[in-house]
């Protein structure tokens, strides 16, 4: 059980890093071509999906880390 939890935590963390890196590329690209970041806009499409996935993976990672500490 402990090995499975550690491997699952590693997989979630690597996935979370990848999603955060993809999200960073998306936001920087808009301002690179003259997009104004001072105007409020809503997230749509892939940007919204990446944001929701980041929040979900972050929550799963936090819970798995707390469970790992509680077991040991």
Protein backbone atom coordinates (compact mmCIF):
# COMPACT_ATOMS: atom_id res chain seq x y z
CA UNK A 1 0.00 0.00 0.00
CA UNK A 2 2.80 2.39 0.91
CA UNK A 3 4.68 1.77 -2.36
CA UNK A 4 1.51 2.23 -4.39
CA UNK A 5 0.77 5.53 -2.63
CA UNK A 6 4.29 6.81 -3.22
CA UNK A 7 4.18 5.90 -6.93
CA UNK A 8 0.75 7.48 -7.33
CA UNK A 9 2.01 10.66 -5.65
CA UNK A 10 4.99 10.80 -7.99
CA UNK A 11 2.79 10.32 -11.06
CA UNK A 12 0.36 13.03 -9.90
CA UNK A 13 3.21 15.43 -9.16
CA UNK A 14 4.81 14.95 -12.59
CA UNK A 15 1.44 15.44 -14.26
CA UNK A 16 0.83 18.58 -12.18
CA UNK A 17 4.21 20.01 -13.23
CA UNK A 18 3.39 19.37 -16.89
CA UNK A 19 -0.04 21.01 -16.64
CA UNK A 20 1.40 24.06 -14.89
CA UNK A 21 4.06 24.42 -17.59
CA UNK A 22 1.41 24.19 -20.33
CA UNK A 23 -0.69 26.79 -18.55
CA UNK A 24 2.26 29.16 -18.30
CA UNK A 25 2.92 28.93 -22.03
CA UNK A 26 -0.69 29.75 -22.83
CA UNK A 27 -0.83 32.95 -20.78
CA UNK A 28 2.54 34.25 -21.95
CA UNK A 29 1.74 33.75 -25.60
CA UNK A 30 -1.19 36.17 -25.64
CA UNK A 31 0.82 39.06 -24.30
CA UNK A 32 3.71 38.33 -26.66
CA UNK A 33 1.60 39.29 -29.69
CA UNK A 34 0.28 42.56 -28.32
CA UNK A 35 -2.48 41.23 -26.11
CA UNK A 36 -3.35 43.57 -23.24
CA UNK A 37 -3.35 41.78 -19.89
CA UNK A 38 -4.98 44.69 -18.03
CA UNK A 39 -8.41 43.93 -19.51
CA UNK A 40 -10.51 41.44 -17.58
CA UNK A 41 -11.37 38.36 -19.56
CA UNK A 42 -12.78 34.96 -18.72
CA UNK A 43 -11.06 31.67 -19.29
CA UNK A 44 -12.47 29.69 -22.19
CA UNK A 45 -11.79 26.41 -23.91
CA UNK A 46 -8.43 24.81 -23.30
CA UNK A 47 -7.34 27.52 -20.88
CA UNK A 48 -10.32 26.81 -18.62
CA UNK A 49 -9.73 23.07 -18.84
CA UNK A 50 -6.05 23.47 -17.91
CA UNK A 51 -6.99 25.71 -14.98
CA UNK A 52 -9.56 23.24 -13.67
CA UNK A 53 -7.14 20.35 -14.14
CA UNK A 54 -4.44 22.25 -12.24
CA UNK A 55 -6.77 22.87 -9.29
CA UNK A 56 -7.92 19.24 -9.28
CA UNK A 57 -4.43 17.78 -9.50
CA UNK A 58 -3.19 20.17 -6.82
CA UNK A 59 -5.97 19.05 -4.48
CA UNK A 60 -5.29 15.37 -5.18
CA UNK A 61 -1.57 15.90 -4.59
CA UNK A 62 -2.24 17.66 -1.28
CA UNK A 63 -4.55 14.89 -0.07
CA UNK A 64 -2.18 12.13 -1.12
CA UNK A 65 0.73 13.87 0.60
CA UNK A 66 -1.24 14.22 3.82
CA UNK A 67 -2.27 10.55 3.69
CA UNK A 68 1.34 9.52 3.10
CA UNK A 69 2.48 11.48 6.16
CA UNK A 70 -0.35 10.08 8.28
CA UNK A 71 0.54 6.47 7.35
CA UNK A 72 4.20 6.84 8.26
